């Protein structure tokens, strides 16, 4: 029995109506509670945002570089072969065999090689000190006395009357320039490795001597720079005796030329390029390169870096983000166009088209003082004719990476040594850096090339005096 069997029809109808009223009231209460929960959830979300802002990490100073963005690593490609060290050409062989039987003591002979273990090591090297004795001999027929000519005998051994040989001179220049070692560590290395003690002053004089010998090749490098169809220029700070100056770099695919100057003005560019250079000069937006009246290409890598910094700073400003994306889109289309096989007329038309598009993007913000895009828009307006040279001249790159790569070793050397101490030292550093960086660019062994240069200079000097 459910308890409802004894109810009349009227009582059942009344019970159903009462239950219906209860359901309606509960549905209304549930809807109200859901609305309250929604409001509370939104409030909790707001409070969590405020708490995260208050308890979040402190803002970093402007000079602190942000962490590098993580890149998605692709699966490592399987190796086709083992990359263990390959056996080198042996300079000596040692046989190891048991002489007597350990059990019975009988002498063992013959046998075959069971296995081989190759060891690569450096021997303990002591410096070679050679006394060159020049013997005077008398001719029995004419009575004249003869002594060997020192220049012809020692031309491949030493420079002039120095006691330090050409090999050691070349090594010191290589360690100072290519290995970026200061003079004192070079002195310690020579003493511990070869057992030769050379004073810091003598090492400095040897560097000056190598630079003096290489002055001719240094001037040849300048001629090649001036005759190049495309030239990259850049500069970096360099201290001389505690005073600020600048190391200038001018690079081609085969030559790197460095020169030091206290000034960062355009006069240095004019002096380096001279009247002979008539090619395209690729540089950043520094005003010192404006003095050159020929064809110029400004570095898009520098400009893109500034564009991305602007976008990251104003990521919530849609107008800034759209403007940056628009400028980048013009550049990417221009770069794709530069790779096409086009006639000179078509290239000129495309260049004018890209310049017009970029000008239209820049015009609205040129005079708006509060617009975040104003500075970069003004840069477009000022350098518009030097931004798309690479479209019309495909041999000209759109970036100045060659100069950046050329100047980077000098920046590292500056951080290690702090600069130079005298004008003579700055000149020596510029000459040696030009020579060794050029040899590296040409895939030559810098140590061997330096030795060859000194020997050739000795031969030329002997022929001139002979």
Protein backbone atom coordinates (compact mmCIF):
# COMPACT_ATOMS: atom_id res chain seq x y z
CA UNK A 1 0.00 0.00 0.00
CA UNK A 2 1.43 3.37 -1.03
CA UNK A 3 -0.84 5.40 1.23
CA UNK A 4 -2.61 6.98 -1.73
CA UNK A 5 -5.11 4.22 -2.36
CA UNK A 6 -7.54 5.51 0.25
CA UNK A 7 -7.58 9.10 -1.07
CA UNK A 8 -10.50 10.39 -3.03
CA UNK A 9 -10.28 11.99 -6.45
CA UNK A 10 -10.55 15.52 -5.04
CA UNK A 11 -7.78 14.83 -2.51
CA UNK A 12 -5.46 13.50 -5.23
CA UNK A 13 -6.07 16.58 -7.39
CA UNK A 14 -5.25 18.85 -4.44
CA UNK A 15 -2.05 16.89 -3.75
CA UNK A 16 -0.88 17.20 -7.38
CA UNK A 17 -1.54 20.96 -7.37
CA UNK A 18 0.47 21.33 -4.17
CA UNK A 19 3.39 19.35 -5.60
CA UNK A 20 3.32 21.49 -8.77
CA UNK A 21 3.55 24.69 -6.69
CA UNK A 22 6.52 23.19 -4.81
CA UNK A 23 8.34 22.32 -8.07
CA UNK A 24 7.77 25.83 -9.50
CA UNK A 25 9.11 27.53 -6.37
CA UNK A 26 12.18 25.25 -6.28
CA UNK A 27 12.96 25.95 -9.95
CA UNK A 28 12.84 29.68 -9.26
CA UNK A 29 15.15 29.23 -6.26
CA UNK A 30 17.59 27.13 -8.36
CA UNK A 31 17.71 29.79 -11.07
CA UNK A 32 18.44 32.46 -8.45
CA UNK A 33 21.21 30.36 -6.93
CA UNK A 34 22.78 29.78 -10.35
CA UNK A 35 22.84 33.52 -11.01
CA UNK A 36 24.47 34.08 -7.64
CA UNK A 37 27.12 31.43 -8.38
CA UNK A 38 27.89 33.09 -11.74
CA UNK A 39 28.35 36.47 -10.10
CA UNK A 40 30.59 34.98 -7.42
CA UNK A 41 32.70 33.14 -10.05
CA UNK A 42 33.27 36.38 -11.95
CA UNK A 43 34.22 38.15 -8.73
CA UNK A 44 36.65 35.37 -7.81
CA UNK A 45 38.26 35.63 -11.24
CA UNK A 46 38.71 39.39 -10.80
CA UNK A 47 40.22 38.92 -7.36
CA UNK A 48 42.64 36.27 -8.66
CA UNK A 49 43.85 38.67 -11.36
CA UNK A 50 44.39 41.42 -8.79
CA UNK A 51 46.26 39.05 -6.48
CA UNK A 52 48.47 37.84 -9.33
CA UNK A 53 49.33 41.43 -10.21
CA UNK A 54 50.15 42.29 -6.61
CA UNK A 55 52.15 39.13 -5.92
CA UNK A 56 53.68 38.76 -9.39
CA UNK A 57 57.39 39.19 -10.18
CA UNK A 58 58.81 42.67 -9.96
CA UNK A 59 59.41 44.52 -13.18
CA UNK A 60 62.98 44.09 -14.40
CA UNK A 61 65.16 47.12 -15.12
CA UNK A 62 65.39 48.22 -18.71
CA UNK A 63 69.00 47.11 -19.01
CA UNK A 64 68.15 43.49 -18.17
CA UNK A 65 67.70 41.45 -21.32
CA UNK A 66 64.59 39.24 -21.46
CA UNK A 67 64.99 35.48 -21.48
CA UNK A 68 65.36 33.94 -24.89
CA UNK A 69 62.16 32.44 -26.22
CA UNK A 70 62.11 28.69 -26.21
CA UNK A 71 62.14 26.99 -29.58
CA UNK A 72 60.39 23.76 -30.36
CA UNK A 73 63.01 21.06 -30.75
CA UNK A 74 62.62 18.71 -33.66
CA UNK A 75 63.38 15.02 -33.21
CA UNK A 76 67.06 14.28 -33.64
CA UNK A 77 67.94 12.71 -36.95
CA UNK A 78 69.32 9.22 -36.69
CA UNK A 79 73.03 8.78 -37.36
CA UNK A 80 74.01 7.04 -40.54
CA UNK A 81 77.35 6.05 -39.07
CA UNK A 82 79.36 6.18 -35.89
CA UNK A 83 80.99 9.53 -35.16
CA UNK A 84 83.78 8.19 -32.98
CA UNK A 85 87.22 9.68 -33.51
CA UNK A 86 88.80 8.35 -36.69
CA UNK A 87 92.33 7.00 -36.55
CA UNK A 88 94.94 9.53 -37.59
CA UNK A 89 98.11 8.93 -39.54
CA UNK A 90 100.51 7.52 -36.97
CA UNK A 91 103.81 9.32 -36.50
CA UNK A 92 105.25 6.41 -34.53
CA UNK A 93 104.54 2.80 -33.58
CA UNK A 94 105.28 1.01 -30.32
CA UNK A 95 104.94 -2.76 -29.91
CA UNK A 96 103.97 -4.20 -26.55
CA UNK A 97 104.50 -7.93 -25.97
CA UNK A 98 105.10 -10.25 -23.07
CA UNK A 99 108.76 -11.30 -22.98
CA UNK A 100 108.48 -14.39 -20.78
CA UNK A 101 105.70 -16.81 -19.94
CA UNK A 102 104.34 -15.76 -16.53
CA UNK A 103 103.78 -19.42 -15.53
CA UNK A 104 106.94 -21.24 -16.60
CA UNK A 105 109.31 -18.36 -17.42
CA UNK A 106 110.06 -19.51 -21.00
CA UNK A 107 111.10 -16.80 -23.44
CA UNK A 108 108.32 -15.85 -25.88
CA UNK A 109 108.96 -14.90 -29.54
CA UNK A 110 106.95 -14.11 -32.67
CA UNK A 111 103.22 -13.56 -32.37
CA UNK A 112 100.64 -11.36 -34.09
CA UNK A 113 98.92 -8.06 -33.27
CA UNK A 114 95.86 -8.78 -31.16
CA UNK A 115 94.43 -5.24 -30.97
CA UNK A 116 95.47 -1.62 -31.41
CA UNK A 117 94.94 1.45 -29.27
CA UNK A 118 95.82 4.82 -30.81
CA UNK A 119 96.79 7.69 -28.48
CA UNK A 120 96.85 11.33 -29.61
CA UNK A 121 98.99 13.52 -27.36
CA UNK A 122 101.34 16.47 -27.45
CA UNK A 123 104.99 15.91 -26.55
CA UNK A 124 106.84 18.03 -24.05
CA UNK A 125 108.40 20.69 -26.27
CA UNK A 126 111.36 22.76 -25.29
CA UNK A 127 112.30 25.86 -27.21
CA UNK A 128 115.07 25.43 -29.79
CA UNK A 129 117.97 27.80 -29.28
CA UNK A 130 120.33 27.73 -32.23
CA UNK A 131 123.67 29.56 -32.42
CA UNK A 132 124.23 30.55 -36.04
CA UNK A 133 128.01 30.84 -36.50
CA UNK A 134 129.20 32.67 -39.60
CA UNK A 135 132.60 31.37 -40.63
CA UNK A 136 134.94 33.67 -42.52
CA UNK A 137 137.08 31.98 -45.21
CA UNK A 138 139.98 33.30 -47.24
CA UNK A 139 140.42 32.65 -50.94
CA UNK A 140 143.85 31.26 -51.61
CA UNK A 141 143.93 32.66 -55.16
CA UNK A 142 142.85 36.30 -54.74
CA UNK A 143 143.33 36.65 -51.00
CA UNK A 144 139.79 37.97 -50.36
CA UNK A 145 137.89 36.97 -47.25
CA UNK A 146 134.26 35.83 -47.49
CA UNK A 147 131.49 35.46 -44.93
CA UNK A 148 127.93 34.20 -45.73
CA UNK A 149 125.30 36.92 -46.13
CA UNK A 150 123.12 36.90 -43.00
CA UNK A 151 120.01 38.04 -44.88
CA UNK A 152 120.07 35.16 -47.35
CA UNK A 153 121.02 32.54 -44.75
CA UNK A 154 118.54 33.58 -42.05
CA UNK A 155 115.78 34.93 -44.30
CA UNK A 156 113.43 32.08 -43.39
CA UNK A 157 114.51 31.94 -39.75
CA UNK A 158 114.52 35.42 -38.21
CA UNK A 159 113.73 39.05 -39.02
CA UNK A 160 116.78 41.30 -39.03
CA UNK A 161 118.95 41.09 -35.94
CA UNK A 162 116.21 39.84 -33.65
CA UNK A 163 116.74 36.78 -31.51
CA UNK A 164 113.11 35.63 -31.69
CA UNK A 165 112.49 33.48 -34.75
CA UNK A 166 109.75 33.87 -37.34
CA UNK A 167 107.81 30.87 -36.05
CA UNK A 168 107.59 32.29 -32.53
CA UNK A 169 106.75 35.76 -33.83
CA UNK A 170 103.89 34.32 -35.87
CA UNK A 171 102.62 32.31 -32.91
CA UNK A 172 102.56 35.39 -30.68
CA UNK A 173 100.65 37.40 -33.29
CA UNK A 174 98.21 34.50 -33.76
CA UNK A 175 97.57 34.12 -30.03
CA UNK A 176 97.06 37.87 -29.58
CA UNK A 177 94.72 38.35 -32.55
CA UNK A 178 92.91 35.14 -33.41
CA UNK A 179 92.85 33.68 -29.89
CA UNK A 180 92.21 37.12 -28.30
CA UNK A 181 94.76 36.52 -25.53
CA UNK A 182 96.24 39.46 -23.58
CA UNK A 183 100.00 39.81 -23.43
CA UNK A 184 100.48 38.46 -19.91
CA UNK A 185 98.66 35.16 -20.55
CA UNK A 186 100.69 34.81 -23.76
CA UNK A 187 103.87 35.20 -21.73
CA UNK A 188 102.72 32.55 -19.21
CA UNK A 189 101.73 30.15 -21.99
CA UNK A 190 105.09 30.43 -23.76
CA UNK A 191 106.93 29.92 -20.51
CA UNK A 192 104.94 26.86 -19.45
CA UNK A 193 104.64 25.30 -22.91
CA UNK A 194 108.07 25.95 -24.41
CA UNK A 195 110.16 27.00 -21.44
CA UNK A 196 111.00 30.39 -22.97
CA UNK A 197 110.63 33.55 -20.90
CA UNK A 198 109.85 36.66 -22.97
CA UNK A 199 109.07 39.96 -21.29
CA UNK A 200 105.76 41.72 -21.87
CA UNK A 201 107.58 44.63 -23.48
CA UNK A 202 109.35 42.36 -25.97
CA UNK A 203 106.06 40.65 -26.85
CA UNK A 204 104.53 44.05 -27.54
CA UNK A 205 107.49 45.00 -29.75
CA UNK A 206 107.20 41.72 -31.66
CA UNK A 207 103.53 42.49 -32.36
CA UNK A 208 104.51 45.93 -33.63
CA UNK A 209 107.13 44.33 -35.85
CA UNK A 210 104.65 41.88 -37.39
CA UNK A 211 102.20 44.72 -38.01
CA UNK A 212 104.95 46.77 -39.66
CA UNK A 213 105.80 43.85 -41.93
CA UNK A 214 102.11 43.42 -42.78
CA UNK A 215 101.57 47.10 -43.55
CA UNK A 216 101.91 46.44 -47.28
CA UNK A 217 99.25 43.73 -47.26
CA UNK A 218 97.10 45.96 -45.05
CA UNK A 219 97.16 48.66 -47.72
CA UNK A 220 96.31 46.07 -50.37
CA UNK A 221 93.25 45.12 -48.33
CA UNK A 222 92.15 48.76 -48.35
CA UNK A 223 92.48 48.86 -52.14
CA UNK A 224 90.34 45.73 -52.42
CA UNK A 225 87.73 47.26 -50.13
CA UNK A 226 87.56 50.39 -52.24
CA UNK A 227 87.27 48.33 -55.42
CA UNK A 228 84.48 46.09 -54.15
CA UNK A 229 80.99 46.40 -55.75
CA UNK A 230 79.33 45.84 -52.33
CA UNK A 231 80.78 46.92 -48.99
CA UNK A 232 79.53 46.43 -45.42
CA UNK A 233 80.36 49.00 -42.76
CA UNK A 234 80.04 48.96 -38.98
CA UNK A 235 81.76 50.39 -35.91
CA UNK A 236 82.12 49.61 -32.21
CA UNK A 237 83.57 51.30 -29.17
CA UNK A 238 87.28 50.81 -28.45
CA UNK A 239 89.30 52.35 -25.62
CA UNK A 240 92.82 53.67 -26.14
CA UNK A 241 94.76 54.43 -22.97
CA UNK A 242 91.48 54.81 -21.06
CA UNK A 243 89.90 57.15 -23.61
CA UNK A 244 86.93 56.24 -25.74
CA UNK A 245 87.34 55.76 -29.47
CA UNK A 246 85.92 53.62 -32.24
CA UNK A 247 87.06 50.62 -34.24
CA UNK A 248 85.62 50.77 -37.76
CA UNK A 249 85.08 47.70 -39.90
CA UNK A 250 84.63 47.54 -43.68
CA UNK A 251 83.98 44.06 -45.06
CA UNK A 252 83.52 42.25 -48.34
CA UNK A 253 82.99 38.50 -48.91
CA UNK A 254 86.79 38.05 -49.07
CA UNK A 255 88.29 40.96 -47.13
CA UNK A 256 87.94 42.52 -43.70
CA UNK A 257 89.54 45.89 -43.09
CA UNK A 258 89.72 47.57 -39.66
CA UNK A 259 90.83 51.05 -38.69
CA UNK A 260 90.82 52.91 -35.38
CA UNK A 261 89.81 56.52 -34.88
CA UNK A 262 88.85 58.69 -31.93
CA UNK A 263 85.96 60.06 -33.96
CA UNK A 264 82.69 58.44 -34.91
CA UNK A 265 81.95 61.07 -37.54
CA UNK A 266 81.41 60.66 -41.24
CA UNK A 267 84.94 61.89 -41.96
CA UNK A 268 86.23 58.42 -41.01
CA UNK A 269 83.95 56.83 -43.61
CA UNK A 270 85.06 59.35 -46.22
CA UNK A 271 88.73 58.71 -45.46
CA UNK A 272 88.35 54.94 -45.56
CA UNK A 273 86.35 54.80 -48.78
CA UNK A 274 88.28 57.57 -50.51
CA UNK A 275 87.33 58.65 -54.01
CA UNK A 276 87.84 55.18 -55.47
CA UNK A 277 84.84 53.42 -53.96
CA UNK A 278 81.79 53.53 -56.21
CA UNK A 279 79.84 50.48 -55.08
CA UNK A 280 76.89 49.96 -52.75
CA UNK A 281 77.46 50.64 -49.05
CA UNK A 282 75.43 48.49 -46.64
CA UNK A 283 75.16 49.84 -43.09
CA UNK A 284 72.82 50.47 -40.20
CA UNK A 285 70.96 53.76 -39.75
CA UNK A 286 73.82 55.61 -38.08
CA UNK A 287 74.24 59.10 -39.57
CA UNK A 288 77.99 58.79 -40.06
CA UNK A 289 77.39 56.81 -43.26
CA UNK A 290 75.25 59.58 -44.76
CA UNK A 291 78.40 61.29 -46.03
CA UNK A 292 78.68 58.72 -48.80
CA UNK A 293 76.78 59.98 -51.85
CA UNK A 294 76.66 56.68 -53.73
CA UNK A 295 74.25 53.77 -53.57
CA UNK A 296 73.34 52.76 -50.01
CA UNK A 297 71.32 49.98 -48.41
CA UNK A 298 70.19 50.31 -44.81
CA UNK A 299 70.04 47.19 -42.68
CA UNK A 300 66.56 45.71 -42.38
CA UNK A 301 67.62 43.42 -39.52
CA UNK A 302 68.21 46.47 -37.33
CA UNK A 303 64.89 47.99 -38.39
CA UNK A 304 62.95 44.75 -37.85
CA UNK A 305 64.47 44.47 -34.38
CA UNK A 306 63.10 47.92 -33.54
CA UNK A 307 59.73 47.05 -35.07
CA UNK A 308 59.38 43.94 -32.92
CA UNK A 309 60.42 45.85 -29.82
CA UNK A 310 57.69 48.42 -30.57
CA UNK A 311 55.10 45.68 -31.03
CA UNK A 312 56.06 43.96 -27.77
CA UNK A 313 55.91 47.26 -25.88
CA UNK A 314 52.43 48.10 -27.23
CA UNK A 315 51.01 44.61 -27.63
CA UNK A 316 47.57 45.81 -26.47
CA UNK A 317 47.47 48.65 -29.00
CA UNK A 318 45.85 47.19 -32.12
CA UNK A 319 46.83 50.13 -34.33
CA UNK A 320 50.52 49.67 -33.45
CA UNK A 321 50.38 45.91 -34.00
CA UNK A 322 48.63 46.32 -37.37
CA UNK A 323 51.11 49.00 -38.44
CA UNK A 324 54.12 46.83 -37.57
CA UNK A 325 52.61 43.85 -39.38
CA UNK A 326 51.96 46.04 -42.42
CA UNK A 327 55.58 47.24 -42.60
CA UNK A 328 56.89 43.69 -42.16
CA UNK A 329 54.54 42.42 -44.89
CA UNK A 330 55.97 44.97 -47.34
CA UNK A 331 59.52 43.86 -46.50
CA UNK A 332 58.79 40.15 -46.90
CA UNK A 333 57.14 40.75 -50.27
CA UNK A 334 60.14 42.83 -51.32
CA UNK A 335 62.55 40.10 -50.30
CA UNK A 336 60.61 37.50 -52.27
CA UNK A 337 60.61 39.84 -55.26
CA UNK A 338 64.39 40.31 -55.04
CA UNK A 339 64.86 36.55 -55.52
CA UNK A 340 62.85 36.48 -58.76
CA UNK A 341 64.37 36.51 -62.23
CA UNK A 342 63.26 39.97 -63.38
CA UNK A 343 64.43 42.54 -65.88
CA UNK A 344 66.07 45.77 -64.73
CA UNK A 345 62.95 47.75 -65.64
CA UNK A 346 60.69 45.45 -63.62
CA UNK A 347 63.03 45.61 -60.64
CA UNK A 348 62.95 49.40 -60.75
CA UNK A 349 59.16 49.39 -60.89
CA UNK A 350 58.86 46.97 -57.99
CA UNK A 351 61.24 49.10 -55.93
CA UNK A 352 59.15 52.21 -56.55
CA UNK A 353 56.00 50.28 -55.67
CA UNK A 354 57.42 49.09 -52.34
CA UNK A 355 58.68 52.57 -51.51
CA UNK A 356 55.23 54.02 -52.21
CA UNK A 357 53.53 51.42 -49.98
CA UNK A 358 55.93 52.08 -47.14
CA UNK A 359 55.50 55.84 -47.52
CA UNK A 360 51.72 55.49 -47.26
CA UNK A 361 52.15 53.54 -44.04
CA UNK A 362 54.46 56.16 -42.56
CA UNK A 363 52.65 59.38 -43.59
CA UNK A 364 49.80 59.32 -41.00
CA UNK A 365 52.25 59.18 -38.06
CA UNK A 366 55.02 61.57 -39.12
CA UNK A 367 53.67 64.55 -37.16
CA UNK A 368 51.70 62.81 -34.40
CA UNK A 369 53.83 63.45 -31.32
CA UNK A 370 52.00 60.97 -29.12
CA UNK A 371 51.89 58.16 -31.70
CA UNK A 372 54.17 55.21 -30.74
CA UNK A 373 54.92 54.68 -34.44
CA UNK A 374 56.21 58.22 -34.99
CA UNK A 375 59.97 57.56 -34.57
CA UNK A 376 60.04 54.52 -36.85
CA UNK A 377 57.74 56.23 -39.35
CA UNK A 378 60.13 59.19 -39.50
CA UNK A 379 62.99 56.77 -40.12
CA UNK A 380 61.09 55.40 -43.11
CA UNK A 381 60.51 58.92 -44.41
CA UNK A 382 64.19 59.83 -44.03
CA UNK A 383 65.77 56.67 -45.44
CA UNK A 384 63.07 55.60 -47.91
CA UNK A 385 65.42 55.72 -50.90
CA UNK A 386 67.92 53.44 -49.14
CA UNK A 387 65.60 50.67 -47.93
CA UNK A 388 64.86 48.77 -51.15
CA UNK A 389 68.15 48.95 -53.01
CA UNK A 390 68.32 45.14 -52.70
CA UNK A 391 65.21 44.85 -54.87
CA UNK A 392 66.77 46.74 -57.79
CA UNK A 393 70.28 45.34 -57.23
CA UNK A 394 70.01 41.63 -56.27
CA UNK A 395 73.74 41.42 -55.49
CA UNK A 396 73.18 43.81 -52.55
CA UNK A 397 71.88 42.09 -49.38
CA UNK A 398 69.04 43.60 -47.36
CA UNK A 399 70.95 43.22 -44.09
CA UNK A 400 74.33 44.10 -42.64
CA UNK A 401 75.10 40.72 -41.10
CA UNK A 402 78.55 40.55 -42.74
CA UNK A 403 79.71 43.63 -40.84
CA UNK A 404 78.12 42.37 -37.62
CA UNK A 405 80.01 39.08 -37.91
CA UNK A 406 83.24 40.93 -38.71
CA UNK A 407 83.04 43.24 -35.69
CA UNK A 408 81.99 40.59 -33.15
CA UNK A 409 85.53 39.17 -32.50
CA UNK A 410 86.77 42.70 -31.82
CA UNK A 411 83.99 43.24 -29.29
CA UNK A 412 85.01 40.05 -27.49
CA UNK A 413 88.68 41.10 -27.56
CA UNK A 414 87.74 44.49 -26.11
CA UNK A 415 85.93 42.80 -23.22
CA UNK A 416 88.95 40.58 -22.57
CA UNK A 417 91.77 43.13 -22.83
CA UNK A 418 89.96 46.43 -22.31
CA UNK A 419 91.46 48.00 -25.44
CA UNK A 420 94.94 49.31 -26.26
CA UNK A 421 97.35 51.65 -24.49
CA UNK A 422 98.75 53.84 -27.23
CA UNK A 423 98.10 55.04 -30.80
CA UNK A 424 100.82 52.65 -31.94
CA UNK A 425 99.05 49.78 -30.20
CA UNK A 426 95.73 50.73 -31.82
CA UNK A 427 97.38 50.80 -35.23
CA UNK A 428 99.04 47.43 -34.63
CA UNK A 429 95.76 45.94 -33.45
CA UNK A 430 93.92 47.22 -36.55
CA UNK A 431 96.56 45.85 -38.95
CA UNK A 432 96.83 42.43 -37.33
CA UNK A 433 93.06 42.09 -36.98
CA UNK A 434 92.59 42.96 -40.66
CA UNK A 435 95.16 40.39 -41.74
CA UNK A 436 94.08 37.50 -39.53
CA UNK A 437 90.34 38.06 -40.06
CA UNK A 438 90.89 38.17 -43.82
CA UNK A 439 92.91 34.94 -43.74
CA UNK A 440 90.14 33.30 -41.72
CA UNK A 441 87.54 34.54 -44.19
CA UNK A 442 89.60 33.02 -47.00
CA UNK A 443 89.83 29.70 -45.07
CA UNK A 444 93.58 29.98 -44.65
CA UNK A 445 95.56 28.88 -41.63
CA UNK A 446 96.34 32.15 -39.85
CA UNK A 447 99.54 30.90 -38.24
CA UNK A 448 100.93 29.53 -41.52
CA UNK A 449 99.80 32.61 -43.46
CA UNK A 450 101.54 34.95 -41.00
CA UNK A 451 104.75 32.96 -41.22
CA UNK A 452 104.59 32.98 -45.01
CA UNK A 453 104.01 36.74 -45.04
CA UNK A 454 107.07 37.41 -42.88
CA UNK A 455 109.28 35.11 -44.96
CA UNK A 456 108.13 36.76 -48.22
CA UNK A 457 108.83 40.18 -46.71
CA UNK A 458 112.33 39.04 -45.79
CA UNK A 459 112.94 37.82 -49.33
CA UNK A 460 111.69 41.06 -50.84
CA UNK A 461 113.90 43.05 -48.48
CA UNK A 462 116.93 40.91 -49.41
CA UNK A 463 116.30 41.43 -53.13
CA UNK A 464 115.90 45.18 -52.65
CA UNK A 465 119.12 45.54 -50.72
CA UNK A 466 120.96 43.08 -52.96
